[in-house]
Amino acid sequence: MTGDQRRRKTAMAILAVRQVRCQLFPSEIFDEHAWTMLLQLFVNLADNQTTTENILVHNVGVSVGVGQRWIAHLVKDGQVVSRESGDDVALTGDAIGRMRSFLDLAANEAHEIEAN
């Protein structure tokens, strides 16, 4: 989807800013691993790529156990498609729609701030 490439850029910017933040502030005060997973999964979707549980956990920078617990929580919450341990991880259709809405709103807010 054409709009997903624009949204991908917004998601990548959010991920980059979060990485800078983690370099400057102690990571334990910013425990948002599930949100980072959702952003990363959206970027993968926009790139038409799949990702395994292990790669996602590695990209988020958490231990396997912590990552698996967050993925299980996201499955239970309806954000990630139910799967067997070790399978590819993907957003649900509902989560994709909400991520698209969020990224559109975030980009619009950034443009509004920039314009003023």
C-alpha atoms as a PDB file:
ATOM      1  CA  MET A   1       0.000   0.000   0.000  1.00  0.00           C
ATOM      2  CA  THR A   2       1.437   3.352  -1.074  1.00  0.00           C
ATOM      3  CA  GLY A   3       0.467   5.117   2.140  1.00  0.00           C
ATOM      4  CA  ASP A   4       2.312   2.476   4.134  1.00  0.00           C
ATOM      5  CA  GLN A   5       5.663   3.695   2.796  1.00  0.00           C
ATOM      6  CA  ARG A   6       4.938   7.156   4.224  1.00  0.00           C
ATOM      7  CA  ARG A   7       3.769   5.555   7.467  1.00  0.00           C
ATOM      8  CA  ARG A   8       6.923   3.415   7.501  1.00  0.00           C
ATOM      9  CA  LYS A   9       9.023   6.573   7.521  1.00  0.00           C
ATOM     10  CA  THR A  10       7.067   7.877  10.506  1.00  0.00           C
ATOM     11  CA  ALA A  11       7.487   4.561  12.342  1.00  0.00           C
ATOM     12  CA  MET A  12      11.212   4.538  11.564  1.00  0.00           C
ATOM     13  CA  ALA A  13      11.548   8.103  12.876  1.00  0.00           C
ATOM     14  CA  ILE A  14       9.790   7.115  16.103  1.00  0.00           C
ATOM     15  CA  LEU A  15      12.062   4.091  16.493  1.00  0.00           C
ATOM     16  CA  ALA A  16      15.169   6.225  15.834  1.00  0.00           C
ATOM     17  CA  VAL A  17      14.132   8.839  18.398  1.00  0.00           C
ATOM     18  CA  ARG A  18      13.465   6.087  20.934  1.00  0.00           C
ATOM     19  CA  GLN A  19      16.951   4.686  20.320  1.00  0.00           C
ATOM     20  CA  VAL A  20      18.515   8.104  20.932  1.00  0.00           C
ATOM     21  CA  ARG A  21      16.443   8.438  24.097  1.00  0.00           C
ATOM     22  CA  CYS A  22      17.693   5.061  25.342  1.00  0.00           C
ATOM     23  CA  GLN A  23      21.277   6.191  24.792  1.00  0.00           C
ATOM     24  CA  LEU A  24      20.762   9.281  26.964  1.00  0.00           C
ATOM     25  CA  PHE A  25      18.407   8.007  29.669  1.00  0.00           C
ATOM     26  CA  PRO A  26      18.404   4.772  31.673  1.00  0.00           C
ATOM     27  CA  SER A  27      16.343   2.197  29.787  1.00  0.00           C
ATOM     28  CA  GLU A  28      14.565   0.874  32.871  1.00  0.00           C
ATOM     29  CA  ILE A  29      12.517   4.077  33.119  1.00  0.00           C
ATOM     30  CA  PHE A  30      11.188   3.606  29.562  1.00  0.00           C
ATOM     31  CA  ASP A  31       9.807   0.064  29.490  1.00  0.00           C
ATOM     32  CA  GLU A  32       7.817   0.099  26.238  1.00  0.00           C
ATOM     33  CA  HIS A  33       8.966  -3.137  24.662  1.00  0.00           C
ATOM     34  CA  ALA A  34       5.501  -4.036  23.370  1.00  0.00           C
ATOM     35  CA  TRP A  35       5.174  -0.664  21.623  1.00  0.00           C
ATOM     36  CA  THR A  36       8.595  -1.080  20.032  1.00  0.00           C
ATOM     37  CA  MET A  37       7.497  -4.521  18.813  1.00  0.00           C
ATOM     38  CA  LEU A  38       4.353  -3.074  17.235  1.00  0.00           C
ATOM     39  CA  LEU A  39       6.330  -0.345  15.469  1.00  0.00           C
ATOM     40  CA  GLN A  40       8.914  -2.847  14.238  1.00  0.00           C
ATOM     41  CA  LEU A  41       6.205  -5.211  12.987  1.00  0.00           C
ATOM     42  CA  PHE A  42       4.591  -2.353  11.071  1.00  0.00           C
ATOM     43  CA  VAL A  43       7.912  -1.458   9.436  1.00  0.00           C
ATOM     44  CA  ASN A  44       8.295  -5.123   8.437  1.00  0.00           C
ATOM     45  CA  LEU A  45       4.767  -5.109   6.988  1.00  0.00           C
ATOM     46  CA  ALA A  46       5.501  -1.968   4.964  1.00  0.00           C
ATOM     47  CA  ASP A  47       8.712  -3.579   3.711  1.00  0.00           C
ATOM     48  CA  ASN A  48       6.718  -6.702   2.788  1.00  0.00           C
ATOM     49  CA  GLN A  49       8.941  -8.760   5.096  1.00  0.00           C
ATOM     50  CA  THR A  50       8.152 -11.336   7.723  1.00  0.00           C
ATOM     51  CA  THR A  51      10.019 -11.660  10.971  1.00  0.00           C
ATOM     52  CA  THR A  52      10.541 -14.487  13.380  1.00  0.00           C
ATOM     53  CA  GLU A  53      10.018 -14.233  17.097  1.00  0.00           C
ATOM     54  CA  ASN A  54      13.784 -14.425  17.668  1.00  0.00           C
ATOM     55  CA  ILE A  55      14.578 -11.613  15.221  1.00  0.00           C
ATOM     56  CA  LEU A  56      11.851  -9.396  16.668  1.00  0.00           C
ATOM     57  CA  VAL A  57      13.084  -9.985  20.215  1.00  0.00           C
ATOM     58  CA  HIS A  58      16.665  -9.253  19.129  1.00  0.00           C
ATOM     59  CA  ASN A  59      15.625  -6.038  17.333  1.00  0.00           C
ATOM     60  CA  VAL A  60      13.766  -4.833  20.412  1.00  0.00           C
ATOM     61  CA  GLY A  61      16.818  -5.539  22.562  1.00  0.00           C
ATOM     62  CA  VAL A  62      15.259  -7.680  25.266  1.00  0.00           C
ATOM     63  CA  SER A  63      15.996 -11.170  26.512  1.00  0.00           C
ATOM     64  CA  VAL A  64      14.216 -14.075  24.850  1.00  0.00           C
ATOM     65  CA  GLY A  65      12.084 -14.694  27.947  1.00  0.00           C
ATOM     66  CA  VAL A  66      10.991 -11.067  28.238  1.00  0.00           C
ATOM     67  CA  GLY A  67      10.322 -10.884  24.512  1.00  0.00           C
ATOM     68  CA  GLN A  68       8.235 -14.061  24.511  1.00  0.00           C
ATOM     69  CA  ARG A  69       6.150 -12.782  27.421  1.00  0.00           C
ATOM     70  CA  TRP A  70       5.471  -9.504  25.608  1.00  0.00           C
ATOM     71  CA  ILE A  71       4.574 -11.308  22.399  1.00  0.00           C
ATOM     72  CA  ALA A  72       2.194 -13.582  24.337  1.00  0.00           C
ATOM     73  CA  HIS A  73       0.598 -10.496  25.870  1.00  0.00           C
ATOM     74  CA  LEU A  74       0.216  -8.884  22.436  1.00  0.00           C
ATOM     75  CA  VAL A  75      -1.416 -12.071  21.124  1.00  0.00           C
ATOM     76  CA  LYS A  76      -3.820 -12.120  24.084  1.00  0.00           C
ATOM     77  CA  ASP A  77      -4.570  -8.424  23.508  1.00  0.00           C
ATOM     78  CA  GLY A  78      -5.363  -9.041  19.830  1.00  0.00           C
ATOM     79  CA  GLN A  79      -2.426  -7.030  18.477  1.00  0.00           C
ATOM     80  CA  VAL A  80      -0.389  -9.950  17.131  1.00  0.00           C
ATOM     81  CA  VAL A  81      -1.643 -12.988  15.222  1.00  0.00           C
ATOM     82  CA  SER A  82      -1.747 -16.136  17.333  1.00  0.00           C
ATOM     83  CA  ARG A  83       1.074 -18.478  16.431  1.00  0.00           C
ATOM     84  CA  GLU A  84       3.277 -21.251  17.724  1.00  0.00           C
ATOM     85  CA  SER A  85       6.507 -20.367  19.513  1.00  0.00           C
ATOM     86  CA  GLY A  86       9.250 -19.693  16.969  1.00  0.00           C
ATOM     87  CA  ASP A  87       6.853 -18.942  14.092  1.00  0.00           C
ATOM     88  CA  ASP A  88       6.792 -15.682  12.192  1.00  0.00           C
ATOM     89  CA  VAL A  89       5.189 -12.823  14.107  1.00  0.00           C
ATOM     90  CA  ALA A  90       2.688 -10.475  12.435  1.00  0.00           C
ATOM     91  CA  LEU A  91       0.186  -7.782  13.355  1.00  0.00           C
ATOM     92  CA  THR A  92      -3.520  -8.597  13.287  1.00  0.00           C
ATOM     93  CA  GLY A  93      -5.699  -6.803  10.736  1.00  0.00           C
ATOM     94  CA  ASP A  94      -7.162  -4.678  13.520  1.00  0.00           C
ATOM     95  CA  ALA A  95      -3.704  -3.714  14.796  1.00  0.00           C
ATOM     96  CA  ILE A  96      -2.613  -2.803  11.260  1.00  0.00           C
ATOM     97  CA  GLY A  97      -5.582  -0.446  10.947  1.00  0.00           C
ATOM     98  CA  ARG A  98      -4.867   1.169  14.301  1.00  0.00           C
ATOM     99  CA  MET A  99      -1.150   1.534  13.524  1.00  0.00           C
ATOM    100  CA  ARG A 100      -2.015   3.200  10.212  1.00  0.00           C
ATOM    101  CA  SER A 101      -4.332   5.614  12.016  1.00  0.00           C
ATOM    102  CA  PHE A 102      -1.741   6.338  14.709  1.00  0.00           C
ATOM    103  CA  LEU A 103       1.085   6.917  12.237  1.00  0.00           C
ATOM    104  CA  ASP A 104      -1.094   9.190  10.095  1.00  0.00           C
ATOM    105  CA  LEU A 105      -2.059  11.234  13.157  1.00  0.00           C
ATOM    106  CA  ALA A 106       1.545  11.363  14.396  1.00  0.00           C
ATOM    107  CA  ALA A 107       2.775  12.577  11.004  1.00  0.00           C
ATOM    108  CA  ASN A 108       0.007  15.197  10.841  1.00  0.00           C
ATOM    109  CA  GLU A 109       0.907  16.454  14.328  1.00  0.00           C
ATOM    110  CA  ALA A 110       4.566  16.735  13.335  1.00  0.00           C
ATOM    111  CA  HIS A 111       3.623  18.704  10.212  1.00  0.00           C
ATOM    112  CA  GLU A 112       1.360  21.017  12.223  1.00  0.00           C
ATOM    113  CA  ILE A 113       4.131  21.733  14.729  1.00  0.00           C
ATOM    114  CA  GLU A 114       6.613  22.286  11.905  1.00  0.00           C
ATOM    115  CA  ALA A 115       4.250  24.723  10.185  1.00  0.00           C
ATOM    116  CA  ASN A 116       3.866  26.894  13.292  1.00  0.00           C
END
